[in-house]
Each structure stands twice: as C-alpha cells, then as structure tokens.
C-alpha cells in the first residue's frame, strides 16, 4: 500500500471579519510565499468582500475559499467575532 505524500503548507493566512459595514473582510499574511498569498487574497476578496457573515451566499463562498486553500497548500484561520466554528 502506497503511503500518501504529505506536502508541507506553502503559506498561512488569517481571514478577518471586519463587521457589518463594507468592506467586510481582510486577508492577513501570516507566513509563507508572499506572491502565493497575494494571489490567494485576490480570489478570497472576490468571493467574500461584499458579503456579511449572515448573507446566505457567504456559507457557499466560504466553502469555495476553504477548497481553494486546500488546493494551494494554504493554512486558513478564520477570525469571526461571535462565531463558534
């Protein structure tokens, strides 16, 4: 049985909810490849920037952001005040 190759993370970001007044989101670079994070940030903001946390589209777009991070090897941390997940 072949062991699954584990690749180390390429970057880490924190996605911060700024509150109910747009823009709602900020993507903070914690570590890793700055170019990768800049490109990832652009995609995240395209999906989330104008969506507050309580918008039904947020949940679907959050899942897309998570899948994108997994593909790119980016560790995600979410900072959403009042959120339990």
N, C-alpha and C. Protein backbone atom coordinates (compact mmCIF):
# COMPACT_ATOMS: atom_id res chain seq x y z
N UNK A 1 0.84 -1.18 0.00
CA UNK A 1 0.00 0.00 0.00
C UNK A 1 0.89 1.24 0.00
N UNK A 2 0.65 2.14 -0.95
CA UNK A 2 1.46 3.36 -1.05
C UNK A 2 1.05 4.37 0.01
N UNK A 3 2.05 4.94 0.65
CA UNK A 3 1.78 6.00 1.62
C UNK A 3 1.46 7.28 0.87
N UNK A 4 0.48 7.99 1.36
CA UNK A 4 0.09 9.25 0.75
C UNK A 4 1.15 10.30 1.04
N UNK A 5 1.59 11.00 0.00
CA UNK A 5 2.60 12.04 0.19
C UNK A 5 1.97 13.26 0.86
N UNK A 6 2.63 13.73 1.88
CA UNK A 6 2.15 14.91 2.59
C UNK A 6 3.07 16.06 2.25
N UNK A 7 2.51 17.10 1.67
CA UNK A 7 3.31 18.27 1.33
C UNK A 7 3.15 19.31 2.43
N UNK A 8 4.23 19.96 2.78
CA UNK A 8 4.14 20.99 3.82
C UNK A 8 3.33 22.18 3.32
N UNK A 9 2.69 22.90 4.23
CA UNK A 9 1.93 24.08 3.83
C UNK A 9 2.85 25.11 3.17
N UNK A 10 2.30 25.82 2.20
CA UNK A 10 3.08 26.83 1.48
C UNK A 10 2.90 28.22 2.08
N UNK A 11 1.82 28.42 2.84
CA UNK A 11 1.56 29.74 3.42
C UNK A 11 0.49 29.59 4.50
N UNK A 12 0.36 30.64 5.29
CA UNK A 12 -0.70 30.71 6.29
C UNK A 12 -1.31 32.10 6.24
N UNK A 13 -2.65 32.15 6.29
CA UNK A 13 -3.36 33.43 6.32
C UNK A 13 -4.44 33.40 7.38
N UNK A 14 -4.83 34.59 7.81
CA UNK A 14 -5.97 34.75 8.70
C UNK A 14 -6.98 35.60 7.94
N UNK A 15 -8.20 35.10 7.85
CA UNK A 15 -9.28 35.85 7.21
C UNK A 15 -10.11 36.46 8.32
N UNK A 16 -10.16 37.79 8.35
CA UNK A 16 -10.76 38.53 9.45
C UNK A 16 -12.06 39.18 9.00
N UNK A 17 -13.13 38.97 9.77
CA UNK A 17 -14.40 39.65 9.52
C UNK A 17 -14.31 41.01 10.18
N UNK A 18 -14.48 42.07 9.39
CA UNK A 18 -14.32 43.43 9.89
C UNK A 18 -15.60 44.02 10.44
N UNK A 19 -16.73 43.38 10.18
CA UNK A 19 -18.00 43.87 10.71
C UNK A 19 -19.03 44.12 9.63
N UNK A 20 -20.17 44.67 10.05
CA UNK A 20 -21.31 44.81 9.14
C UNK A 20 -21.18 45.91 8.08
N UNK A 21 -20.21 46.78 8.22
CA UNK A 21 -20.04 47.85 7.22
C UNK A 21 -18.99 47.40 6.21
N UNK A 22 -19.35 47.47 4.91
CA UNK A 22 -18.44 47.02 3.84
C UNK A 22 -17.22 47.93 3.77
N UNK A 23 -16.04 47.42 3.43
CA UNK A 23 -15.76 46.01 3.12
C UNK A 23 -15.79 45.17 4.39
N UNK A 24 -16.23 43.95 4.24
CA UNK A 24 -16.45 43.08 5.40
C UNK A 24 -15.25 42.22 5.77
N UNK A 25 -14.28 42.04 4.86
CA UNK A 25 -13.23 41.05 5.07
C UNK A 25 -11.84 41.60 4.79
N UNK A 26 -10.87 41.02 5.51
CA UNK A 26 -9.46 41.33 5.28
C UNK A 26 -8.70 40.00 5.34
N UNK A 27 -7.73 39.85 4.45
CA UNK A 27 -6.90 38.64 4.43
C UNK A 27 -5.50 39.04 4.87
N UNK A 28 -5.06 38.49 6.00
CA UNK A 28 -3.75 38.85 6.57
C UNK A 28 -2.74 37.74 6.34
N UNK A 29 -1.61 38.12 5.80
CA UNK A 29 -0.50 37.19 5.54
C UNK A 29 0.22 36.93 6.86
N UNK A 30 0.30 35.66 7.25
CA UNK A 30 0.99 35.28 8.48
C UNK A 30 2.38 34.75 8.16
N UNK A 31 2.44 33.84 7.18
CA UNK A 31 3.74 33.27 6.82
C UNK A 31 3.67 32.68 5.43
N UNK A 32 4.84 32.38 4.88
CA UNK A 32 4.92 31.70 3.59
C UNK A 32 5.14 32.63 2.42
N UNK A 33 4.92 32.09 1.24
CA UNK A 33 5.17 32.75 -0.02
C UNK A 33 4.24 33.95 -0.22
N UNK A 34 4.81 35.15 -0.24
CA UNK A 34 4.03 36.39 -0.35
C UNK A 34 3.27 36.45 -1.67
N UNK A 35 3.87 36.01 -2.74
CA UNK A 35 3.18 36.04 -4.05
C UNK A 35 1.96 35.13 -4.03
N UNK A 36 2.13 33.93 -3.49
CA UNK A 36 1.01 33.00 -3.37
C UNK A 36 -0.12 33.62 -2.54
N UNK A 37 0.23 34.24 -1.43
CA UNK A 37 -0.77 34.85 -0.56
C UNK A 37 -1.47 36.00 -1.27
N UNK A 38 -0.74 36.82 -2.02
CA UNK A 38 -1.37 37.93 -2.75
C UNK A 38 -2.39 37.41 -3.77
N UNK A 39 -2.03 36.36 -4.49
CA UNK A 39 -2.95 35.78 -5.47
C UNK A 39 -4.15 35.15 -4.78
N UNK A 40 -3.91 34.47 -3.66
CA UNK A 40 -4.99 33.86 -2.89
C UNK A 40 -5.91 34.94 -2.34
N UNK A 41 -5.33 36.02 -1.81
CA UNK A 41 -6.11 37.14 -1.27
C UNK A 41 -7.07 37.70 -2.32
N UNK A 42 -6.58 37.88 -3.54
CA UNK A 42 -7.45 38.40 -4.60
C UNK A 42 -8.66 37.50 -4.83
N UNK A 43 -8.44 36.20 -4.83
CA UNK A 43 -9.55 35.27 -5.04
C UNK A 43 -10.52 35.28 -3.85
N UNK A 44 -9.97 35.33 -2.64
CA UNK A 44 -10.82 35.36 -1.44
C UNK A 44 -11.68 36.61 -1.45
N UNK A 45 -11.06 37.76 -1.69
CA UNK A 45 -11.82 39.01 -1.66
C UNK A 45 -12.85 39.07 -2.78
N UNK A 46 -12.57 38.47 -3.92
CA UNK A 46 -13.56 38.42 -5.00
C UNK A 46 -14.80 37.63 -4.55
N UNK A 47 -14.60 36.65 -3.68
CA UNK A 47 -15.72 35.83 -3.20
C UNK A 47 -16.42 36.41 -1.98
N UNK A 48 -15.68 37.12 -1.12
CA UNK A 48 -16.24 37.49 0.18
C UNK A 48 -16.39 38.99 0.45
N UNK A 49 -15.67 39.84 -0.23
CA UNK A 49 -15.53 41.23 0.17
C UNK A 49 -16.85 41.93 0.53
N UNK A 50 -17.87 41.78 -0.28
CA UNK A 50 -19.12 42.50 -0.03
C UNK A 50 -20.18 41.63 0.66
N UNK A 51 -19.79 40.47 1.17
CA UNK A 51 -20.74 39.58 1.83
C UNK A 51 -20.58 39.64 3.35
N UNK A 52 -21.62 40.05 4.06
CA UNK A 52 -21.56 39.94 5.51
C UNK A 52 -21.73 38.48 5.91
N UNK A 53 -21.36 38.16 7.12
CA UNK A 53 -21.39 36.80 7.63
C UNK A 53 -22.79 36.19 7.58
N UNK A 54 -23.82 36.99 7.73
CA UNK A 54 -25.19 36.46 7.78
C UNK A 54 -25.84 36.34 6.39
N UNK A 55 -25.12 36.66 5.32
CA UNK A 55 -25.64 36.52 3.97
C UNK A 55 -25.62 35.04 3.57
N UNK A 56 -26.71 34.51 3.00
CA UNK A 56 -26.73 33.09 2.62
C UNK A 56 -25.61 32.70 1.65
N UNK A 57 -25.18 33.62 0.81
CA UNK A 57 -24.10 33.33 -0.15
C UNK A 57 -22.76 33.14 0.57
N UNK A 58 -22.62 33.72 1.77
CA UNK A 58 -21.35 33.61 2.50
C UNK A 58 -20.96 32.15 2.74
N UNK A 59 -21.92 31.35 3.18
CA UNK A 59 -21.61 29.95 3.51
C UNK A 59 -21.07 29.20 2.29
N UNK A 60 -21.73 29.38 1.14
CA UNK A 60 -21.27 28.71 -0.09
C UNK A 60 -19.89 29.21 -0.50
N UNK A 61 -19.68 30.51 -0.44
CA UNK A 61 -18.39 31.06 -0.84
C UNK A 61 -17.29 30.71 0.16
N UNK A 62 -17.62 30.60 1.42
CA UNK A 62 -16.63 30.18 2.42
C UNK A 62 -16.13 28.78 2.09
N UNK A 63 -17.02 27.88 1.70
CA UNK A 63 -16.61 26.53 1.33
C UNK A 63 -15.68 26.55 0.11
N UNK A 64 -15.96 27.43 -0.83
CA UNK A 64 -15.08 27.56 -2.00
C UNK A 64 -13.70 28.06 -1.60
N UNK A 65 -13.66 29.01 -0.67
CA UNK A 65 -12.38 29.53 -0.18
C UNK A 65 -11.59 28.41 0.51
N UNK A 66 -12.27 27.61 1.30
CA UNK A 66 -11.62 26.50 2.00
C UNK A 66 -11.03 25.50 1.01
N UNK A 67 -11.80 25.15 -0.02
CA UNK A 67 -11.29 24.20 -1.04
C UNK A 67 -10.10 24.79 -1.79
N UNK A 68 -10.17 26.09 -2.11
CA UNK A 68 -9.07 26.77 -2.78
C UNK A 68 -7.81 26.71 -1.91
N UNK A 69 -7.95 26.97 -0.62
CA UNK A 69 -6.81 26.92 0.30
C UNK A 69 -6.20 25.52 0.34
N UNK A 70 -7.05 24.52 0.37
CA UNK A 70 -6.55 23.13 0.39
C UNK A 70 -5.75 22.83 -0.87
N UNK A 71 -6.26 23.25 -2.02
CA UNK A 71 -5.54 23.01 -3.29
C UNK A 71 -4.20 23.72 -3.32
N UNK A 72 -4.14 24.94 -2.78
CA UNK A 72 -2.93 25.75 -2.84
C UNK A 72 -1.95 25.48 -1.70
N UNK A 73 -2.35 24.69 -0.72
CA UNK A 73 -1.47 24.43 0.42
C UNK A 73 -1.41 25.60 1.38
N UNK A 74 -2.52 26.31 1.53
CA UNK A 74 -2.59 27.46 2.42
C UNK A 74 -3.36 27.07 3.68
N UNK A 75 -2.76 27.32 4.83
CA UNK A 75 -3.43 27.10 6.10
C UNK A 75 -4.32 28.30 6.36
N UNK A 76 -5.59 28.04 6.64
CA UNK A 76 -6.56 29.12 6.89
C UNK A 76 -6.90 29.19 8.36
N UNK A 77 -7.03 30.41 8.83
CA UNK A 77 -7.58 30.66 10.15
C UNK A 77 -8.65 31.71 9.93
N UNK A 78 -9.82 31.53 10.54
CA UNK A 78 -10.92 32.49 10.41
C UNK A 78 -11.04 33.24 11.72
N UNK A 79 -11.14 34.56 11.63
CA UNK A 79 -11.36 35.40 12.81
C UNK A 79 -12.70 36.09 12.62
N UNK A 80 -13.74 35.43 13.14
CA UNK A 80 -15.09 35.96 13.03
C UNK A 80 -15.63 36.11 14.45
N UNK A 81 -15.62 37.35 14.98
CA UNK A 81 -16.10 37.55 16.35
C UNK A 81 -17.52 37.00 16.54
N UNK A 82 -17.72 36.29 17.63
CA UNK A 82 -19.02 35.74 17.94
C UNK A 82 -19.30 34.40 17.29
N UNK A 83 -18.38 33.94 16.44
CA UNK A 83 -18.56 32.66 15.76
C UNK A 83 -18.00 31.55 16.63
N UNK A 84 -18.69 30.42 16.62
CA UNK A 84 -18.23 29.29 17.42
C UNK A 84 -17.53 28.23 16.57
N UNK A 85 -17.49 28.39 15.23
CA UNK A 85 -16.85 27.37 14.41
C UNK A 85 -15.49 27.75 14.02
